[in-house]
Amino acid sequence: MPRVSAALLALAAGPALSGCGSAAAEAPVPLQGFSVQGRTVTTTVLIGGCEAARLTSRESESTVSLTLRVRSTSHEGQPCPAFIARKHIGTTLREPVGNRSVVDTTNRATLRPPG
């Protein structure tokens, strides 16, 4: 499945998981790559008008585990703008990635930094 299609599928699942006007549930979304600058890891995600995303990390001596989650921010009776936006989401590590493996916790894939 192409990367954009997988991201759009994950995006479509977000509102379905949370339900309109109900308590916001978070849906894990596979990472579509990442970049590193110092201790900051950044990825890009597609989100809709009533969605928010967050990137979290867990670190060990040998691994940096990243989790990207999308959640609904809709409220009962509130219309959601009909758009999809590309948003950069980041997290700050305790230590730079260095020689550690970077793993997407959603699918356990080992990710390769760009370049």
PDB file of N, CA and C in Angstrom:
ATOM      1  N   MET A   1       0.852  -1.170   0.000  1.00  0.00           N
ATOM      2  CA  MET A   1       0.000   0.000   0.000  1.00  0.00           C
ATOM      3  C   MET A   1       0.901   1.238   0.000  1.00  0.00           C
ATOM      4  N   PRO A   2       0.650   2.211  -0.848  1.00  0.00           N
ATOM      5  CA  PRO A   2       1.474   3.412  -0.884  1.00  0.00           C
ATOM      6  C   PRO A   2       1.412   4.159   0.439  1.00  0.00           C
ATOM      7  N   ARG A   3       2.473   4.891   0.759  1.00  0.00           N
ATOM      8  CA  ARG A   3       2.554   5.602   2.034  1.00  0.00           C
ATOM      9  C   ARG A   3       1.409   6.582   2.252  1.00  0.00           C
ATOM     10  N   VAL A   4       1.067   7.368   1.249  1.00  0.00           N
ATOM     11  CA  VAL A   4       0.002   8.351   1.410  1.00  0.00           C
ATOM     12  C   VAL A   4      -1.316   7.653   1.675  1.00  0.00           C
ATOM     13  N   SER A   5      -1.588   6.563   0.980  1.00  0.00           N
ATOM     14  CA  SER A   5      -2.834   5.831   1.189  1.00  0.00           C
ATOM     15  C   SER A   5      -2.914   5.285   2.607  1.00  0.00           C
ATOM     16  N   ALA A   6      -1.812   4.779   3.133  1.00  0.00           N
ATOM     17  CA  ALA A   6      -1.805   4.264   4.500  1.00  0.00           C
ATOM     18  C   ALA A   6      -2.074   5.389   5.489  1.00  0.00           C
ATOM     19  N   ALA A   7      -1.489   6.557   5.252  1.00  0.00           N
ATOM     20  CA  ALA A   7      -1.710   7.692   6.146  1.00  0.00           C
ATOM     21  C   ALA A   7      -3.162   8.145   6.083  1.00  0.00           C
ATOM     22  N   LEU A   8      -3.745   8.181   4.892  1.00  0.00           N
ATOM     23  CA  LEU A   8      -5.143   8.584   4.760  1.00  0.00           C
ATOM     24  C   LEU A   8      -6.065   7.571   5.413  1.00  0.00           C
ATOM     25  N   LEU A   9      -5.729   6.280   5.307  1.00  0.00           N
ATOM     26  CA  LEU A   9      -6.520   5.260   5.980  1.00  0.00           C
ATOM     27  C   LEU A   9      -6.479   5.457   7.488  1.00  0.00           C
ATOM     28  N   ALA A  10      -5.303   5.715   8.031  1.00  0.00           N
ATOM     29  CA  ALA A  10      -5.168   5.946   9.464  1.00  0.00           C
ATOM     30  C   ALA A  10      -5.924   7.198   9.869  1.00  0.00           C
ATOM     31  N   LEU A  11      -5.884   8.217   9.018  1.00  0.00           N
ATOM     32  CA  LEU A  11      -6.599   9.454   9.284  1.00  0.00           C
ATOM     33  C   LEU A  11      -8.093   9.193   9.344  1.00  0.00           C
ATOM     34  N   ALA A  12      -8.607   8.416   8.415  1.00  0.00           N
ATOM     35  CA  ALA A  12     -10.033   8.123   8.379  1.00  0.00           C
ATOM     36  C   ALA A  12     -10.461   7.307   9.594  1.00  0.00           C
ATOM     37  N   ALA A  13      -9.561   6.501  10.131  1.00  0.00           N
ATOM     38  CA  ALA A  13      -9.891   5.675  11.286  1.00  0.00           C
ATOM     39  C   ALA A  13     -10.011   6.498  12.561  1.00  0.00           C
ATOM     40  N   GLY A  14      -9.339   7.617  12.643  1.00  0.00           N
ATOM     41  CA  GLY A  14      -9.357   8.447  13.856  1.00  0.00           C
ATOM     42  C   GLY A  14     -10.750   8.834  14.285  1.00  0.00           C
ATOM     43  N   PRO A  15     -11.545   9.523  13.441  1.00  0.00           N
ATOM     44  CA  PRO A  15     -12.892   9.890  13.844  1.00  0.00           C
ATOM     45  C   PRO A  15     -13.777   8.680  14.108  1.00  0.00           C
ATOM     46  N   ALA A  16     -13.588   7.608  13.368  1.00  0.00           N
ATOM     47  CA  ALA A  16     -14.402   6.424  13.571  1.00  0.00           C
ATOM     48  C   ALA A  16     -14.137   5.821  14.944  1.00  0.00           C
ATOM     49  N   LEU A  17     -12.887   5.871  15.403  1.00  0.00           N
ATOM     50  CA  LEU A  17     -12.545   5.312  16.704  1.00  0.00           C
ATOM     51  C   LEU A  17     -13.052   6.174  17.839  1.00  0.00           C
ATOM     52  N   SER A  18     -13.059   7.493  17.651  1.00  0.00           N
ATOM     53  CA  SER A  18     -13.425   8.374  18.749  1.00  0.00           C
ATOM     54  C   SER A  18     -14.909   8.664  18.787  1.00  0.00           C
ATOM     55  N   GLY A  19     -15.588   8.625  17.660  1.00  0.00           N
ATOM     56  CA  GLY A  19     -17.014   8.917  17.634  1.00  0.00           C
ATOM     57  C   GLY A  19     -17.274  10.401  17.771  1.00  0.00           C
ATOM     58  N   CYS A  20     -18.242  10.897  17.045  1.00  0.00           N
ATOM     59  CA  CYS A  20     -18.560  12.317  17.089  1.00  0.00           C
ATOM     60  C   CYS A  20     -19.139  12.682  18.436  1.00  0.00           C
ATOM     61  N   GLY A  21     -18.536  13.637  19.095  1.00  0.00           N
ATOM     62  CA  GLY A  21     -19.063  14.146  20.343  1.00  0.00           C
ATOM     63  C   GLY A  21     -18.806  13.253  21.541  1.00  0.00           C
ATOM     64  N   SER A  22     -18.083  12.164  21.397  1.00  0.00           N
ATOM     65  CA  SER A  22     -17.796  11.295  22.525  1.00  0.00           C
ATOM     66  C   SER A  22     -16.403  11.602  23.059  1.00  0.00           C
ATOM     67  N   ALA A  23     -16.044  10.916  24.135  1.00  0.00           N
ATOM     68  CA  ALA A  23     -14.702  11.109  24.691  1.00  0.00           C
ATOM     69  C   ALA A  23     -13.671  10.771  23.627  1.00  0.00           C
ATOM     70  N   ALA A  24     -12.625  11.567  23.554  1.00  0.00           N
ATOM     71  CA  ALA A  24     -11.625  11.409  22.502  1.00  0.00           C
ATOM     72  C   ALA A  24     -10.764  10.179  22.754  1.00  0.00           C
ATOM     73  N   ALA A  25     -10.753   9.254  21.783  1.00  0.00           N
ATOM     74  CA  ALA A  25      -9.875   8.095  21.829  1.00  0.00           C
ATOM     75  C   ALA A  25      -8.698   8.372  20.917  1.00  0.00           C
ATOM     76  N   GLU A  26      -7.556   7.841  21.278  1.00  0.00           N
ATOM     77  CA  GLU A  26      -6.374   8.012  20.436  1.00  0.00           C
ATOM     78  C   GLU A  26      -6.163   6.769  19.596  1.00  0.00           C
ATOM     79  N   ALA A  27      -5.771   6.998  18.334  1.00  0.00           N
ATOM     80  CA  ALA A  27      -5.467   5.900  17.430  1.00  0.00           C
ATOM     81  C   ALA A  27      -3.998   5.977  17.048  1.00  0.00           C
ATOM     82  N   PRO A  28      -3.253   4.869  17.206  1.00  0.00           N
ATOM     83  CA  PRO A  28      -1.857   4.868  16.759  1.00  0.00           C
ATOM     84  C   PRO A  28      -1.785   4.931  15.236  1.00  0.00           C
ATOM     85  N   VAL A  29      -0.810   5.656  14.733  1.00  0.00           N
ATOM     86  CA  VAL A  29      -0.622   5.845  13.298  1.00  0.00           C
ATOM     87  C   VAL A  29       0.828   5.499  12.962  1.00  0.00           C
ATOM     88  N   PRO A  30       1.076   4.635  11.965  1.00  0.00           N
ATOM     89  CA  PRO A  30       2.457   4.330  11.582  1.00  0.00           C
ATOM     90  C   PRO A  30       3.195   5.587  11.114  1.00  0.00           C
ATOM     91  N   LEU A  31       4.445   5.696  11.511  1.00  0.00           N
ATOM     92  CA  LEU A  31       5.272   6.823  11.084  1.00  0.00           C
ATOM     93  C   LEU A  31       5.629   6.675   9.615  1.00  0.00           C
ATOM     94  N   GLN A  32       5.667   7.795   8.911  1.00  0.00           N
ATOM     95  CA  GLN A  32       6.022   7.811   7.491  1.00  0.00           C
ATOM     96  C   GLN A  32       7.396   8.437   7.309  1.00  0.00           C
ATOM     97  N   GLY A  33       8.303   8.163   8.231  1.00  0.00           N
ATOM     98  CA  GLY A  33       9.639   8.732   8.201  1.00  0.00           C
ATOM     99  C   GLY A  33       9.809   9.722   9.341  1.00  0.00           C
ATOM    100  N   PHE A  34      11.033  10.188   9.517  1.00  0.00           N
ATOM    101  CA  PHE A  34      11.323  11.133  10.586  1.00  0.00           C
ATOM    102  C   PHE A  34      12.615  11.855  10.262  1.00  0.00           C
ATOM    103  N   SER A  35      12.843  12.936  10.996  1.00  0.00           N
ATOM    104  CA  SER A  35      14.113  13.646  10.894  1.00  0.00           C
ATOM    105  C   SER A  35      14.619  13.899  12.303  1.00  0.00           C
ATOM    106  N   VAL A  36      15.932  14.103  12.400  1.00  0.00           N
ATOM    107  CA  VAL A  36      16.557  14.327  13.699  1.00  0.00           C
ATOM    108  C   VAL A  36      17.422  15.571  13.620  1.00  0.00           C
ATOM    109  N   GLN A  37      17.279  16.437  14.614  1.00  0.00           N
ATOM    110  CA  GLN A  37      18.167  17.581  14.758  1.00  0.00           C
ATOM    111  C   GLN A  37      18.498  17.692  16.244  1.00  0.00           C
ATOM    112  N   GLY A  38      19.736  17.352  16.577  1.00  0.00           N
ATOM    113  CA  GLY A  38      20.121  17.338  17.985  1.00  0.00           C
ATOM    114  C   GLY A  38      19.325  16.289  18.739  1.00  0.00           C
ATOM    115  N   ARG A  39      18.590  16.730  19.767  1.00  0.00           N
ATOM    116  CA  ARG A  39      17.756  15.813  20.551  1.00  0.00           C
ATOM    117  C   ARG A  39      16.301  15.809  20.084  1.00  0.00           C
ATOM    118  N   THR A  40      15.974  16.559  19.028  1.00  0.00           N
ATOM    119  CA  THR A  40      14.593  16.651  18.565  1.00  0.00           C
ATOM    120  C   THR A  40      14.343  15.707  17.396  1.00  0.00           C
ATOM    121  N   VAL A  41      13.297  14.882  17.525  1.00  0.00           N
ATOM    122  CA  VAL A  41      12.851  13.988  16.460  1.00  0.00           C
ATOM    123  C   VAL A  41      11.525  14.546  15.953  1.00  0.00           C
ATOM    124  N   THR A  42      11.405  14.675  14.630  1.00  0.00           N
ATOM    125  CA  THR A  42      10.197  15.241  14.024  1.00  0.00           C
ATOM    126  C   THR A  42       9.670  14.305  12.944  1.00  0.00           C
ATOM    127  N   THR A  43       8.357  14.219  12.845  1.00  0.00           N
ATOM    128  CA  THR A  43       7.707  13.481  11.776  1.00  0.00           C
ATOM    129  C   THR A  43       6.580  14.340  11.219  1.00  0.00           C
ATOM    130  N   THR A  44       6.014  13.907  10.116  1.00  0.00           N
ATOM    131  CA  THR A  44       4.900  14.617   9.501  1.00  0.00           C
ATOM    132  C   THR A  44       3.687  13.703   9.491  1.00  0.00           C
ATOM    133  N   VAL A  45       2.516  14.280   9.780  1.00  0.00           N
ATOM    134  CA  VAL A  45       1.281  13.505   9.809  1.00  0.00           C
ATOM    135  C   VAL A  45       0.180  14.310   9.129  1.00  0.00           C
ATOM    136  N   LEU A  46      -0.754  13.603   8.504  1.00  0.00           N
ATOM    137  CA  LEU A  46      -1.933  14.243   7.935  1.00  0.00           C
ATOM    138  C   LEU A  46      -3.046  14.191   8.968  1.00  0.00           C
ATOM    139  N   ILE A  47      -3.627  15.371   9.283  1.00  0.00           N
ATOM    140  CA  ILE A  47      -4.731  15.403  10.244  1.00  0.00           C
ATOM    141  C   ILE A  47      -5.884  16.193   9.659  1.00  0.00           C
ATOM    142  N   GLY A  48      -7.086  15.891  10.134  1.00  0.00           N
ATOM    143  CA  GLY A  48      -8.285  16.576   9.697  1.00  0.00           C
ATOM    144  C   GLY A  48      -8.601  17.754  10.601  1.00  0.00           C
ATOM    145  N   GLY A  49      -9.706  18.446  10.281  1.00  0.00           N
ATOM    146  CA  GLY A  49     -10.086  19.670  10.976  1.00  0.00           C
ATOM    147  C   GLY A  49     -10.357  19.513  12.458  1.00  0.00           C
ATOM    148  N   CYS A  50     -10.809  18.365  12.900  1.00  0.00           N
ATOM    149  CA  CYS A  50     -11.074  18.138  14.327  1.00  0.00           C
ATOM    150  C   CYS A  50     -10.197  17.004  14.853  1.00  0.00           C
ATOM    151  N   GLU A  51      -8.920  17.068  14.526  1.00  0.00           N
ATOM    152  CA  GLU A  51      -7.977  16.066  15.010  1.00  0.00           C
ATOM    153  C   GLU A  51      -6.711  16.736  15.502  1.00  0.00           C
ATOM    154  N   ALA A  52      -6.066  16.069  16.426  1.00  0.00           N
ATOM    155  CA  ALA A  52      -4.773  16.515  16.933  1.00  0.00           C
ATOM    156  C   ALA A  52      -3.849  15.304  16.959  1.00  0.00           C
ATOM    157  N   ALA A  53      -2.551  15.555  16.864  1.00  0.00           N
ATOM    158  CA  ALA A  53      -1.573  14.464  16.865  1.00  0.00           C
ATOM    159  C   ALA A  53      -0.505  14.744  17.911  1.00  0.00           C
ATOM    160  N   ARG A  54       0.095  13.656  18.396  1.00  0.00           N
ATOM    161  CA  ARG A  54       1.234  13.801  19.314  1.00  0.00           C
ATOM    162  C   ARG A  54       2.217  12.670  19.064  1.00  0.00           C
ATOM    163  N   LEU A  55       3.485  13.007  19.220  1.00  0.00           N
ATOM    164  CA  LEU A  55       4.571  12.054  19.056  1.00  0.00           C
ATOM    165  C   LEU A  55       5.244  11.902  20.409  1.00  0.00           C
ATOM    166  N   THR A  56       5.343  10.674  20.887  1.00  0.00           N
ATOM    167  CA  THR A  56       6.006  10.414  22.165  1.00  0.00           C
ATOM    168  C   THR A  56       7.175   9.469  21.938  1.00  0.00           C
ATOM    169  N   SER A  57       8.098   9.466  22.889  1.00  0.00           N
ATOM    170  CA  SER A  57       9.279   8.610  22.771  1.00  0.00           C
ATOM    171  C   SER A  57       9.586   7.919  24.090  1.00  0.00           C
ATOM    172  N   ARG A  58      10.193   6.743  23.980  1.00  0.00           N
ATOM    173  CA  ARG A  58      10.772   6.017  25.115  1.00  0.00           C
ATOM    174  C   ARG A  58      12.190   5.685  24.704  1.00  0.00           C
ATOM    175  N   GLU A  59      13.110   5.801  25.636  1.00  0.00           N
ATOM    176  CA  GLU A  59      14.519   5.598  25.302  1.00  0.00           C
ATOM    177  C   GLU A  59      15.158   4.525  26.172  1.00  0.00           C
ATOM    178  N   SER A  60      16.046   3.769  25.544  1.00  0.00           N
ATOM    179  CA  SER A  60      16.921   2.848  26.265  1.00  0.00           C
ATOM    180  C   SER A  60      18.329   3.087  25.731  1.00  0.00           C
ATOM    181  N   GLU A  61      19.293   2.334  26.239  1.00  0.00           N
ATOM    182  CA  GLU A  61      20.673   2.492  25.761  1.00  0.00           C
ATOM    183  C   GLU A  61      20.800   2.175  24.281  1.00  0.00           C
ATOM    184  N   SER A  62      19.983   1.241  23.784  1.00  0.00           N
ATOM    185  CA  SER A  62      20.139   0.776  22.400  1.00  0.00           C
ATOM    186  C   SER A  62      19.016   1.183  21.458  1.00  0.00           C
ATOM    187  N   THR A  63      17.894   1.696  22.003  1.00  0.00           N
ATOM    188  CA  THR A  63      16.714   1.941  21.173  1.00  0.00           C
ATOM    189  C   THR A  63      15.990   3.231  21.546  1.00  0.00           C
ATOM    190  N   VAL A  64      15.458   3.899  20.521  1.00  0.00           N
ATOM    191  CA  VAL A  64      14.506   4.995  20.709  1.00  0.00           C
ATOM    192  C   VAL A  64      13.196   4.502  20.108  1.00  0.00           C
ATOM    193  N   SER A  65      12.161   4.391  20.925  1.00  0.00           N
ATOM    194  CA  SER A  65      10.850   3.933  20.463  1.00  0.00           C
ATOM    195  C   SER A  65       9.947   5.140  20.307  1.00  0.00           C
ATOM    196  N   LEU A  66       9.353   5.287  19.104  1.00  0.00           N
ATOM    197  CA  LEU A  66       8.483   6.421  18.807  1.00  0.00           C
ATOM    198  C   LEU A  66       7.051   5.942  18.609  1.00  0.00           C
ATOM    199  N   THR A  67       6.094   6.713  19.149  1.00  0.00           N
ATOM    200  CA  THR A  67       4.672   6.420  18.973  1.00  0.00           C
ATOM    201  C   THR A  67       3.973   7.683  18.508  1.00  0.00           C
ATOM    202  N   LEU A  68       3.317   7.599  17.368  1.00  0.00           N
ATOM    203  CA  LEU A  68       2.525   8.701  16.835  1.00  0.00           C
ATOM    204  C   LEU A  68       1.058   8.347  17.027  1.00  0.00           C
ATOM    205  N   ARG A  69       0.305   9.259  17.648  1.00  0.00           N
ATOM    206  CA  ARG A  69      -1.123   9.030  17.897  1.00  0.00           C
ATOM    207  C   ARG A  69      -1.925  10.218  17.380  1.00  0.00           C
ATOM    208  N   VAL A  70      -3.099   9.911  16.830  1.00  0.00           N
ATOM    209  CA  VAL A  70      -4.035  10.932  16.369  1.00  0.00           C
ATOM    210  C   VAL A  70      -5.312  10.761  17.175  1.00  0.00           C
ATOM    211  N   ARG A  71      -5.900  11.886  17.600  1.00  0.00           N
ATOM    212  CA  ARG A  71      -7.150  11.817  18.355  1.00  0.00           C
ATOM    213  C   ARG A  71      -8.134  12.858  17.835  1.00  0.00           C
ATOM    214  N   SER A  72      -9.397  12.585  18.072  1.00  0.00           N
ATOM    215  CA  SER A  72     -10.450  13.517  17.696  1.00  0.00           C
ATOM    216  C   SER A  72     -10.520  14.630  18.740  1.00  0.00           C
ATOM    217  N   THR A  73     -10.729  15.848  18.273  1.00  0.00           N
ATOM    218  CA  THR A  73     -10.922  16.991  19.175  1.00  0.00           C
ATOM    219  C   THR A  73     -12.337  17.541  19.028  1.00  0.00           C
ATOM    220  N   SER A  74     -13.210  16.775  18.367  1.00  0.00           N
ATOM    221  CA  SER A  74     -14.573  17.262  18.124  1.00  0.00           C
ATOM    222  C   SER A  74     -15.379  17.277  19.417  1.00  0.00           C
ATOM    223  N   HIS A  75     -16.348  18.176  19.441  1.00  0.00           N
ATOM    224  CA  HIS A  75     -17.278  18.291  20.566  1.00  0.00           C
ATOM    225  C   HIS A  75     -18.690  18.203  20.003  1.00  0.00           C
ATOM    226  N   GLU A  76     -19.574  17.621  20.768  1.00  0.00           N
ATOM    227  CA  GLU A  76     -20.942  17.454  20.318  1.00  0.00           C
ATOM    228  C   GLU A  76     -21.531  18.788  19.859  1.00  0.00           C
ATOM    229  N   GLY A  77     -22.102  18.787  18.669  1.00  0.00           N
ATOM    230  CA  GLY A  77     -22.719  19.992  18.134  1.00  0.00           C
ATOM    231  C   GLY A  77     -21.763  20.955  17.455  1.00  0.00           C
ATOM    232  N   GLN A  78     -20.464  20.674  17.526  1.00  0.00           N
ATOM    233  CA  GLN A  78     -19.457  21.546  16.902  1.00  0.00           C
ATOM    234  C   GLN A  78     -19.132  21.021  15.512  1.00  0.00           C
ATOM    235  N   PRO A  79     -19.266  21.865  14.493  1.00  0.00           N
ATOM    236  CA  PRO A  79     -18.878  21.404  13.156  1.00  0.00           C
ATOM    237  C   PRO A  79     -17.351  21.310  13.048  1.00  0.00           C
ATOM    238  N   CYS A  80     -16.904  20.360  12.255  1.00  0.00           N
ATOM    239  CA  CYS A  80     -15.470  20.207  12.017  1.00  0.00           C
ATOM    240  C   CYS A  80     -15.130  20.734  10.632  1.00  0.00           C
ATOM    241  N   PRO A  81     -14.120  21.577  10.522  1.00  0.00           N
ATOM    242  CA  PRO A  81     -13.710  22.047   9.195  1.00  0.00           C
ATOM    243  C   PRO A  81     -13.309  20.860   8.319  1.00  0.00           C
ATOM    244  N   ALA A  82     -13.729  20.898   7.074  1.00  0.00           N
ATOM    245  CA  ALA A  82     -13.446  19.805   6.139  1.00  0.00           C
ATOM    246  C   ALA A  82     -12.128  20.068   5.423  1.00  0.00           C
ATOM    247  N   PHE A  83     -11.035  19.660   6.025  1.00  0.00           N
ATOM    248  CA  PHE A  83      -9.732  19.784   5.385  1.00  0.00           C
ATOM    249  C   PHE A  83      -8.798  18.746   5.945  1.00  0.00           C
ATOM    250  N   ILE A  84      -7.745  18.502   5.207  1.00  0.00           N
ATOM    251  CA  ILE A  84      -6.651  17.658   5.682  1.00  0.00           C
ATOM    252  C   ILE A  84      -5.394  18.502   5.605  1.00  0.00           C
ATOM    253  N   ALA A  85      -4.644  18.542   6.708  1.00  0.00           N
ATOM    254  CA  ALA A  85      -3.425  19.347   6.760  1.00  0.00           C
ATOM    255  C   ALA A  85      -2.229  18.462   7.087  1.00  0.00           C
ATOM    256  N   ARG A  86      -1.103  18.814   6.529  1.00  0.00           N
ATOM    257  CA  ARG A  86       0.163  18.146   6.849  1.00  0.00           C
ATOM    258  C   ARG A  86       0.774  18.923   8.016  1.00  0.00           C
ATOM    259  N   LYS A  87       0.998  18.237   9.129  1.00  0.00           N
ATOM    260  CA  LYS A  87       1.504  18.896  10.328  1.00  0.00           C
ATOM    261  C   LYS A  87       2.809  18.233  10.776  1.00  0.00           C
ATOM    262  N   HIS A  88       3.769  19.049  11.169  1.00  0.00           N
ATOM    263  CA  HIS A  88       5.029  18.549  11.716  1.00  0.00           C
ATOM    264  C   HIS A  88       4.870  18.406  13.223  1.00  0.00           C
ATOM    265  N   ILE A  89       5.183  17.214  13.719  1.00  0.00           N
ATOM    266  CA  ILE A  89       5.040  16.898  15.136  1.00  0.00           C
ATOM    267  C   ILE A  89       6.412  16.462  15.644  1.00  0.00           C
ATOM    268  N   GLY A  90       6.809  16.966  16.795  1.00  0.00           N
ATOM    269  CA  GLY A  90       8.127  16.624  17.325  1.00  0.00           C
ATOM    270  C   GLY A  90       8.097  16.175  18.767  1.00  0.00           C
ATOM    271  N   THR A  91       9.189  15.565  19.165  1.00  0.00           N
ATOM    272  CA  THR A  91       9.409  15.179  20.553  1.00  0.00           C
ATOM    273  C   THR A  91      10.884  15.386  20.865  1.00  0.00           C
ATOM    274  N   THR A  92      11.180  15.696  22.110  1.00  0.00           N
ATOM    275  CA  THR A  92      12.566  15.927  22.521  1.00  0.00           C
ATOM    276  C   THR A  92      13.065  14.742  23.338  1.00  0.00           C
ATOM    277  N   LEU A  93      14.199  14.207  22.932  1.00  0.00           N
ATOM    278  CA  LEU A  93      14.808  13.066  23.616  1.00  0.00           C
ATOM    279  C   LEU A  93      15.687  13.529  24.768  1.00  0.00           C
ATOM    280  N   ARG A  94      15.962  12.626  25.702  1.00  0.00           N
ATOM    281  CA  ARG A  94      16.908  12.938  26.788  1.00  0.00           C
ATOM    282  C   ARG A  94      18.318  13.035  26.240  1.00  0.00           C
ATOM    283  N   GLU A  95      18.645  12.161  25.272  1.00  0.00           N
ATOM    284  CA  GLU A  95      19.967  12.108  24.636  1.00  0.00           C
ATOM    285  C   GLU A  95      19.771  12.040  23.124  1.00  0.00           C
ATOM    286  N   PRO A  96      20.731  12.523  22.332  1.00  0.00           N
ATOM    287  CA  PRO A  96      20.613  12.388  20.874  1.00  0.00           C
ATOM    288  C   PRO A  96      20.484  10.917  20.464  1.00  0.00           C
ATOM    289  N   VAL A  97      19.890  10.677  19.296  1.00  0.00           N
ATOM    290  CA  VAL A  97      19.702   9.307  18.808  1.00  0.00           C
ATOM    291  C   VAL A  97      21.033   8.574  18.716  1.00  0.00           C
ATOM    292  N   GLY A  98      22.038   9.226  18.169  1.00  0.00           N
ATOM    293  CA  GLY A  98      23.363   8.600  18.048  1.00  0.00           C
ATOM    294  C   GLY A  98      23.287   7.312  17.250  1.00  0.00           C
ATOM    295  N   ASN A  99      23.867   6.229  17.792  1.00  0.00           N
ATOM    296  CA  ASN A  99      23.899   4.923  17.112  1.00  0.00           C
ATOM    297  C   ASN A  99      22.725   4.021  17.479  1.00  0.00           C
ATOM    298  N   ARG A 100      21.761   4.544  18.227  1.00  0.00           N
ATOM    299  CA  ARG A 100      20.635   3.714  18.656  1.00  0.00           C
ATOM    300  C   ARG A 100      19.672   3.434  17.498  1.00  0.00           C
ATOM    301  N   SER A 101      18.987   2.304  17.582  1.00  0.00           N
ATOM    302  CA  SER A 101      17.931   1.967  16.625  1.00  0.00           C
ATOM    303  C   SER A 101      16.713   2.819  16.941  1.00  0.00           C
ATOM    304  N   VAL A 102      15.972   3.199  15.893  1.00  0.00           N
ATOM    305  CA  VAL A 102      14.716   3.928  16.068  1.00  0.00           C
ATOM    306  C   VAL A 102      13.595   3.004  15.618  1.00  0.00           C
ATOM    307  N   VAL A 103      12.614   2.772  16.506  1.00  0.00           N
ATOM    308  CA  VAL A 103      11.549   1.809  16.257  1.00  0.00           C
ATOM    309  C   VAL A 103      10.193   2.503  16.338  1.00  0.00           C
ATOM    310  N   ASP A 104       9.310   2.205  15.376  1.00  0.00           N
ATOM    311  CA  ASP A 104       7.926   2.661  15.392  1.00  0.00           C
ATOM    312  C   ASP A 104       7.143   1.645  16.215  1.00  0.00           C
ATOM    313  N   THR A 105       6.587   2.047  17.353  1.00  0.00           N
ATOM    314  CA  THR A 105       5.891   1.100  18.227  1.00  0.00           C
ATOM    315  C   THR A 105       4.573   0.616  17.632  1.00  0.00           C
ATOM    316  N   THR A 106       4.037   1.331  16.650  1.00  0.00           N
ATOM    317  CA  THR A 106       2.770   0.930  16.042  1.00  0.00           C
ATOM    318  C   THR A 106       2.898  -0.389  15.295  1.00  0.00           C
ATOM    319  N   ASN A 107       3.989  -0.553  14.555  1.00  0.00           N
ATOM    320  CA  ASN A 107       4.161  -1.768  13.751  1.00  0.00           C
ATOM    321  C   ASN A 107       5.502  -2.474  14.009  1.00  0.00           C
ATOM    322  N   ARG A 108       6.238  -2.004  14.997  1.00  0.00           N
ATOM    323  CA  ARG A 108       7.549  -2.572  15.389  1.00  0.00           C
ATOM    324  C   ARG A 108       8.592  -2.466  14.290  1.00  0.00           C
ATOM    325  N   ALA A 109       8.374  -1.580  13.323  1.00  0.00           N
ATOM    326  CA  ALA A 109       9.341  -1.413  12.226  1.00  0.00           C
ATOM    327  C   ALA A 109      10.541  -0.606  12.708  1.00  0.00           C
ATOM    328  N   THR A 110      11.741  -1.032  12.309  1.00  0.00           N
ATOM    329  CA  THR A 110      12.945  -0.254  12.573  1.00  0.00           C
ATOM    330  C   THR A 110      13.032   0.777  11.469  1.00  0.00           C
ATOM    331  N   LEU A 111      13.126   2.042  11.865  1.00  0.00           N
ATOM    332  CA  LEU A 111      13.144   3.154  10.913  1.00  0.00           C
ATOM    333  C   LEU A 111      14.560   3.596  10.620  1.00  0.00           C
ATOM    334  N   ARG A 112      14.770   4.090   9.447  1.00  0.00           N
ATOM    335  CA  ARG A 112      16.074   4.610   9.039  1.00  0.00           C
ATOM    336  C   ARG A 112      15.996   6.127   8.959  1.00  0.00           C
ATOM    337  N   PRO A 113      16.952   6.818   9.547  1.00  0.00           N
ATOM    338  CA  PRO A 113      16.943   8.283   9.426  1.00  0.00           C
ATOM    339  C   PRO A 113      17.247   8.687   7.984  1.00  0.00           C
ATOM    340  N   PRO A 114      16.739   9.846   7.557  1.00  0.00           N
ATOM    341  CA  PRO A 114      17.018  10.279   6.195  1.00  0.00           C
ATOM    342  C   PRO A 114      18.495  10.565   5.981  1.00  0.00           C
ATOM    343  N   GLY A 115      18.927  10.444   4.724  1.00  0.00           N
ATOM    344  CA  GLY A 115      20.301  10.796   4.368  1.00  0.00           C
ATOM    345  C   GLY A 115      21.208   9.679   4.569  1.00  0.00           C
TER     346      GLY A 115
END
